[in-house]
Amino acid sequence: EGGGDMAFRALDKDGSGDLDEEELRQAMPVWVKDDDVLREFRRLDADGNGSINKSEMKRAWLKSPASAWLQTKGFGEYTALFEELELDMDSLVRLTLPDLEAMGIQSTVT
């Protein structure tokens, strides 16, 4: 089981296999407004059925900006480049070493 599955299970308080709006609300910081929770819920609920399943959550994560992830991993100097190229997490996981080199990113792995 991957970390994403474990995180989803932790959010799925009732164990239904889907997240409802209240479960998403509980996962958000207390200062997030209800309108913002509802907007995020609608964005994540790709099929519009009123719940978010693991596939929808994974798809949303893959479409999130790669620049935010790079920042958290200590590669902040590359965030502007990734934002300029509009690379999302789906794109990031598909990059090859030649792709990175073409973008001016040199590997320290030998």
Protein backbone atom coordinates (compact mmCIF):
# COMPACT_ATOMS: atom_id res chain seq x y z
CA GLU A 1 0.00 0.00 0.00
CA GLY A 2 1.45 3.36 -1.02
CA GLY A 3 1.65 6.47 1.12
CA GLY A 4 -1.18 8.03 -0.87
CA ASP A 5 -3.47 5.13 0.04
CA MET A 6 -2.57 5.46 3.70
CA ALA A 7 -3.20 9.21 3.63
CA PHE A 8 -6.56 8.69 1.92
CA ARG A 9 -7.55 6.10 4.53
CA ALA A 10 -6.63 8.56 7.29
CA LEU A 11 -8.95 11.17 5.75
CA ASP A 12 -11.74 8.63 5.21
CA LYS A 13 -13.01 8.78 8.80
CA ASP A 14 -16.08 6.59 8.22
CA GLY A 15 -14.18 3.95 6.21
CA SER A 16 -16.58 4.21 3.26
CA GLY A 17 -13.83 4.38 0.63
CA ASP A 18 -14.96 7.88 -0.36
CA LEU A 19 -14.53 11.31 1.18
CA ASP A 20 -17.55 13.48 1.79
CA GLU A 21 -17.45 17.24 2.23
CA GLU A 22 -17.25 16.99 6.04
CA GLU A 23 -14.24 14.65 5.89
CA LEU A 24 -12.48 17.10 3.59
CA ARG A 25 -13.43 19.96 5.93
CA GLN A 26 -11.86 18.10 8.87
CA ALA A 27 -8.63 17.68 6.89
CA MET A 28 -8.37 21.43 6.22
CA PRO A 29 -6.84 23.98 8.59
CA VAL A 30 -9.46 25.63 10.83
CA TRP A 31 -8.96 29.02 9.18
CA VAL A 32 -10.10 27.78 5.74
CA LYS A 33 -13.51 29.25 4.91
CA ASP A 34 -16.47 26.98 4.18
CA ASP A 35 -16.76 28.43 0.66
CA ASP A 36 -13.15 27.46 -0.01
CA VAL A 37 -13.73 23.92 1.29
CA LEU A 38 -16.78 23.59 -0.97
CA ARG A 39 -14.82 24.91 -3.97
CA GLU A 40 -11.99 22.44 -3.32
CA PHE A 41 -14.48 19.61 -2.81
CA ARG A 42 -16.13 20.35 -6.16
CA ARG A 43 -12.71 20.52 -7.85
CA LEU A 44 -11.71 17.13 -6.43
CA ASP A 45 -15.09 15.47 -7.11
CA ALA A 46 -14.35 14.99 -10.81
CA ASP A 47 -17.45 12.92 -11.58
CA GLY A 48 -19.77 15.19 -9.57
CA ASN A 49 -21.32 12.34 -7.57
CA GLY A 50 -20.95 14.11 -4.21
CA SER A 51 -17.94 12.15 -2.96
CA ILE A 52 -14.21 11.93 -3.65
CA ASN A 53 -12.71 8.50 -4.28
CA LYS A 54 -9.03 7.50 -4.25
CA SER A 55 -8.75 7.82 -8.04
CA GLU A 56 -10.09 11.37 -8.00
CA MET A 57 -7.72 12.32 -5.17
CA LYS A 58 -4.75 10.79 -6.99
CA ARG A 59 -5.67 12.54 -10.24
CA ALA A 60 -5.93 15.88 -8.43
CA TRP A 61 -2.54 15.35 -6.82
CA LEU A 62 -0.96 14.51 -10.17
CA LYS A 63 -2.40 17.72 -11.62
CA SER A 64 -1.10 19.87 -8.76
CA PRO A 65 1.86 22.15 -9.50
CA ALA A 66 5.20 20.37 -9.32
CA SER A 67 6.76 23.60 -8.10
CA ALA A 68 5.11 23.27 -4.68
CA TRP A 69 6.49 19.75 -4.23
CA LEU A 70 9.97 20.85 -5.33
CA GLN A 71 9.90 23.62 -2.73
CA THR A 72 9.10 21.18 0.08
CA LYS A 73 11.92 18.86 -1.03
CA GLY A 74 14.62 21.54 -0.99
CA PHE A 75 14.71 22.20 -4.75
CA GLY A 76 13.22 25.70 -4.52
CA GLU A 77 15.66 27.11 -7.06
CA TYR A 78 13.79 25.17 -9.77
CA THR A 79 10.24 26.22 -8.87
CA ALA A 80 10.16 29.24 -11.20
CA LEU A 81 11.26 27.09 -14.14
CA PHE A 82 8.61 24.45 -13.42
CA GLU A 83 5.93 27.13 -13.03
CA GLU A 84 6.98 28.77 -16.30
CA LEU A 85 6.74 25.42 -18.09
CA GLU A 86 3.44 24.68 -16.28
CA LEU A 87 4.70 21.27 -15.19
CA ASP A 88 2.39 19.37 -12.86
CA MET A 89 3.18 16.32 -10.74
CA ASP A 90 2.11 14.00 -13.56
CA SER A 91 4.71 15.62 -15.80
CA LEU A 92 7.34 15.58 -13.07
CA VAL A 93 7.17 11.84 -12.53
CA ARG A 94 7.59 11.25 -16.27
CA LEU A 95 10.73 13.38 -16.72
CA THR A 96 13.87 11.54 -17.74
CA LEU A 97 17.45 12.53 -17.01
CA PRO A 98 17.87 13.88 -20.61
CA ASP A 99 14.69 15.96 -20.10
CA LEU A 100 16.10 17.47 -16.92
CA GLU A 101 19.46 18.14 -18.57
CA ALA A 102 17.70 19.89 -21.47
CA MET A 103 16.04 22.16 -18.87
CA GLY A 104 19.48 23.01 -17.42
CA ILE A 105 19.16 20.79 -14.36
CA GLN A 106 22.31 18.80 -13.75
CA SER A 107 22.27 15.50 -11.91
CA THR A 108 24.53 14.93 -8.93
CA VAL A 109 23.92 11.18 -9.21
CA THR A 110 26.72 9.22 -10.84
